[in-house]
Amino acid sequence: IKALGVEDIGNAEEVSPILTNSQNYSWNRKVFPKAKIEASIKSRGYKTTSSIESPFQFGTKEGVEPATTVVARISESYQMAFTYVAERGVYQKHRNALTSPVHVTHTGGTIEVSNVIIMYDNRFTDAADAKRIDFTLEKGSGTLASGGTCRAICWERTNSGLKYYENDGTTPLTVATGKTFVCLASNTLRSSTVIY
């Protein structure tokens, strides 16, 4: 991040994470108050707009298979699991597996999204640091779950940023209006993805 000159908040403690229970102490489950993040961005003079285009477009498009339950294995020890709530058209995220509780925010609300994207990519161990895992992030395939259905997608990283496409590799991806949760998973774990 520093080598690329990306504007970032290096010390997460500066925005006072709210840790509601022992599960939130994991690095990837901390919750940061929006107002504190915005204040930190403002105090540093960081940009709040971008010239980068959206990686997908918003609209309505049905998938080809049912997707009321989505479980993506993102590592040998961790899963991302979602269940679809048809009445509201959202997926609720679980803390890990489907048997774990629904993930809640520091205010007690559930984490809910309109779209779940699973990106598959080549994972490798960093030559300089054997403990560091990285991804090539050039191009690949994936799955979009939206509206209780799913379909195959493609993605690529270009000079202008990350782009998502329908499975033909050229038509811009259409996702439902709302929040989108992206899971990055190794190609070697693709067969562990369960969607029904």
Protein backbone atom coordinates (compact mmCIF):
# COMPACT_ATOMS: atom_id res chain seq x y z
CA ILE A 1 0.00 0.00 0.00
CA LYS A 2 2.74 2.45 0.93
CA ALA A 3 4.89 1.52 -2.10
CA LEU A 4 1.98 2.27 -4.44
CA GLY A 5 1.14 5.52 -2.67
CA VAL A 6 -2.38 4.39 -1.81
CA GLU A 7 -4.11 6.71 0.64
CA ASP A 8 -4.84 4.58 3.68
CA ILE A 9 -5.47 4.76 7.39
CA GLY A 10 -2.41 2.86 8.58
CA ASN A 11 -3.35 2.46 12.22
CA ALA A 12 -6.86 1.11 12.58
CA GLU A 13 -6.82 2.05 16.27
CA GLU A 14 -7.05 5.71 15.19
CA VAL A 15 -10.70 5.16 14.33
CA SER A 16 -11.46 3.39 17.62
CA PRO A 17 -12.82 -0.03 16.62
CA ILE A 18 -15.85 -1.12 18.54
CA LEU A 19 -15.28 -4.69 19.66
CA THR A 20 -18.65 -6.04 20.73
CA ASN A 21 -17.54 -9.53 21.71
CA SER A 22 -14.55 -11.86 21.65
CA GLN A 23 -15.32 -12.95 18.06
CA ASN A 24 -14.67 -9.42 16.83
CA TYR A 25 -11.04 -9.49 17.94
CA SER A 26 -10.05 -11.32 14.76
CA TRP A 27 -8.35 -8.88 12.33
CA ASN A 28 -10.93 -9.48 9.61
CA ARG A 29 -13.96 -8.96 11.83
CA LYS A 30 -13.34 -5.59 13.43
CA VAL A 31 -16.04 -2.97 13.12
CA PHE A 32 -15.14 0.68 12.59
CA PRO A 33 -17.61 3.54 13.15
CA LYS A 34 -18.34 5.39 9.90
CA ALA A 35 -18.11 8.83 11.54
CA LYS A 36 -14.59 8.12 12.87
CA ILE A 37 -13.39 6.86 9.49
CA GLU A 38 -14.83 9.92 7.73
CA ALA A 39 -13.18 12.21 10.30
CA SER A 40 -9.83 10.48 9.78
CA ILE A 41 -10.14 10.80 5.98
CA LYS A 42 -10.99 14.48 6.30
CA SER A 43 -8.12 15.22 8.72
CA ARG A 44 -5.64 13.64 6.28
CA GLY A 45 -7.07 15.50 3.27
CA TYR A 46 -7.74 12.28 1.35
CA LYS A 47 -9.88 12.32 -1.80
CA THR A 48 -13.49 11.23 -1.43
CA THR A 49 -14.27 10.94 -5.15
CA SER A 50 -12.72 8.87 -7.89
CA SER A 51 -12.41 8.90 -11.66
CA ILE A 52 -12.42 5.08 -11.70
CA GLU A 53 -15.57 3.66 -13.26
CA SER A 54 -17.81 1.22 -11.43
CA PRO A 55 -16.66 -2.38 -11.98
CA PHE A 56 -20.24 -3.43 -12.84
CA GLN A 57 -23.61 -1.92 -13.74
CA PHE A 58 -26.84 -1.96 -11.78
CA GLY A 59 -30.05 -3.52 -13.04
CA THR A 60 -32.07 -6.73 -12.99
CA LYS A 61 -30.92 -10.02 -14.46
CA GLU A 62 -31.88 -13.49 -13.32
CA GLY A 63 -29.34 -16.22 -12.78
CA VAL A 64 -29.62 -19.72 -14.19
CA GLU A 65 -29.46 -21.74 -10.94
CA PRO A 66 -31.03 -21.30 -7.49
CA ALA A 67 -28.87 -19.55 -4.89
CA THR A 68 -30.69 -19.26 -1.58
CA THR A 69 -27.65 -20.63 0.23
CA VAL A 70 -24.08 -19.66 -0.69
CA VAL A 71 -20.94 -21.04 0.97
CA ALA A 72 -17.52 -20.11 -0.39
CA ARG A 73 -14.39 -21.60 1.16
CA ILE A 74 -11.83 -18.79 1.08
CA SER A 75 -9.11 -20.66 2.97
CA GLU A 76 -8.53 -24.09 4.43
CA SER A 77 -9.96 -22.88 7.75
CA TYR A 78 -12.50 -20.20 6.85
CA GLN A 79 -15.75 -19.98 4.91
CA MET A 80 -18.03 -17.15 3.82
CA ALA A 81 -21.64 -18.28 4.18
CA PHE A 82 -24.82 -16.45 3.19
CA THR A 83 -28.54 -17.23 3.34
CA TYR A 84 -31.09 -15.46 1.14
CA VAL A 85 -34.05 -13.62 2.69
CA ALA A 86 -36.51 -13.49 -0.20
CA GLU A 87 -38.94 -11.05 1.46
CA ARG A 88 -36.26 -8.35 1.44
CA GLY A 89 -34.14 -9.54 -1.49
CA VAL A 90 -30.93 -9.70 0.56
CA TYR A 91 -28.32 -12.23 1.63
CA GLN A 92 -27.48 -12.38 5.33
CA LYS A 93 -23.83 -13.14 6.08
CA HIS A 94 -22.90 -15.72 8.70
CA ARG A 95 -19.75 -15.40 10.82
CA ASN A 96 -18.20 -18.46 9.16
CA ALA A 97 -20.06 -21.64 8.23
CA LEU A 98 -23.85 -21.86 7.90
CA THR A 99 -23.95 -23.33 11.40
CA SER A 100 -22.43 -20.14 12.83
CA PRO A 101 -24.62 -17.18 13.86
CA VAL A 102 -25.58 -14.44 11.44
CA HIS A 103 -22.89 -11.72 11.48
CA VAL A 104 -24.05 -8.57 13.27
CA THR A 105 -22.64 -5.05 13.31
CA HIS A 106 -21.64 -3.07 16.40
CA THR A 107 -25.17 -1.63 16.48
CA GLY A 108 -26.76 -5.09 16.42
CA GLY A 109 -27.98 -5.07 12.82
CA THR A 110 -27.29 -8.01 10.55
CA ILE A 111 -24.83 -7.74 7.68
CA GLU A 112 -27.01 -7.90 4.57
CA VAL A 113 -26.10 -7.50 0.90
CA SER A 114 -27.93 -7.64 -2.42
CA ASN A 115 -25.13 -9.42 -4.29
CA VAL A 116 -22.44 -11.95 -3.46
CA ILE A 117 -19.54 -12.22 -5.91
CA ILE A 118 -17.08 -15.09 -5.60
CA MET A 119 -13.85 -14.47 -7.55
CA TYR A 120 -11.54 -17.42 -8.19
CA ASP A 121 -7.86 -16.73 -8.74
CA ASN A 122 -4.40 -18.32 -8.59
CA ARG A 123 -3.03 -18.17 -5.06
CA PHE A 124 0.68 -18.42 -4.30
CA THR A 125 3.16 -18.04 -1.47
CA ASP A 126 5.34 -14.93 -1.57
CA ALA A 127 8.94 -15.85 -2.43
CA ALA A 128 10.34 -13.34 0.08
CA ASP A 129 7.97 -14.26 2.92
CA ALA A 130 6.70 -17.84 3.15
CA LYS A 131 3.99 -16.78 5.59
CA ARG A 132 2.47 -14.36 3.08
CA ILE A 133 -0.18 -15.60 0.67
CA ASP A 134 -0.93 -13.58 -2.46
CA PHE A 135 -3.08 -13.74 -5.61
CA THR A 136 -2.13 -12.99 -9.22
CA LEU A 137 -5.24 -10.78 -9.72
CA GLU A 138 -5.00 -10.61 -13.49
CA LYS A 139 -8.17 -12.28 -14.76
CA GLY A 140 -10.40 -15.18 -13.91
CA SER A 141 -13.89 -16.52 -13.48
CA GLY A 142 -16.38 -16.55 -10.67
CA THR A 143 -19.99 -16.71 -9.57
CA LEU A 144 -22.57 -14.02 -8.86
CA ALA A 145 -25.43 -14.77 -6.43
CA SER A 146 -28.21 -12.19 -6.64
CA GLY A 147 -31.95 -12.28 -6.14
CA GLY A 148 -31.92 -15.91 -5.00
CA THR A 149 -30.27 -17.10 -8.22
CA CYS A 150 -26.70 -17.39 -9.47
CA ARG A 151 -24.73 -17.41 -12.70
CA ALA A 152 -21.14 -17.71 -13.89
CA ILE A 153 -19.16 -14.51 -14.42
CA CYS A 154 -15.70 -13.35 -15.56
CA TRP A 155 -13.43 -10.65 -14.19
CA GLU A 156 -10.16 -8.92 -15.04
CA ARG A 157 -7.90 -6.26 -13.63
CA THR A 158 -6.92 -3.55 -16.10
CA ASN A 159 -4.98 -0.30 -15.78
CA SER A 160 -8.27 1.43 -15.01
CA GLY A 161 -9.23 -1.01 -12.26
CA LEU A 162 -11.19 -4.18 -11.65
CA LYS A 163 -13.93 -5.05 -14.16
CA TYR A 164 -16.64 -7.71 -13.98
CA TYR A 165 -18.34 -9.29 -17.00
CA GLU A 166 -21.10 -11.73 -17.76
CA ASN A 167 -19.84 -15.22 -18.60
CA ASP A 168 -19.20 -14.24 -22.26
CA GLY A 169 -16.26 -12.14 -21.05
CA THR A 170 -17.34 -8.92 -22.83
CA THR A 171 -20.80 -7.86 -21.60
CA PRO A 172 -20.54 -5.70 -18.45
CA LEU A 173 -21.86 -7.54 -15.38
CA THR A 174 -25.31 -6.51 -14.15
CA VAL A 175 -25.90 -6.70 -10.39
CA ALA A 176 -28.87 -5.77 -8.24
CA THR A 177 -28.96 -2.30 -6.72
CA GLY A 178 -27.57 -2.37 -3.19
CA LYS A 179 -24.47 -3.60 -1.39
CA THR A 180 -22.14 -6.17 -2.95
CA PHE A 181 -19.93 -8.56 -0.95
CA VAL A 182 -16.86 -9.89 -2.79
CA CYS A 183 -15.15 -13.14 -1.76
CA LEU A 184 -11.69 -13.85 -3.20
CA ALA A 185 -10.98 -17.58 -3.24
CA SER A 186 -8.22 -19.80 -4.55
CA ASN A 187 -8.89 -21.81 -7.72
CA THR A 188 -7.84 -24.86 -5.70
CA LEU A 189 -10.85 -24.31 -3.40
CA ARG A 190 -13.39 -23.80 -6.19
CA SER A 191 -14.85 -27.29 -5.76
CA SER A 192 -15.58 -26.45 -2.09
CA THR A 193 -18.06 -23.72 -3.07
CA VAL A 194 -21.61 -24.83 -2.33
CA ILE A 195 -24.60 -22.99 -3.80
CA TYR A 196 -28.20 -24.20 -3.76
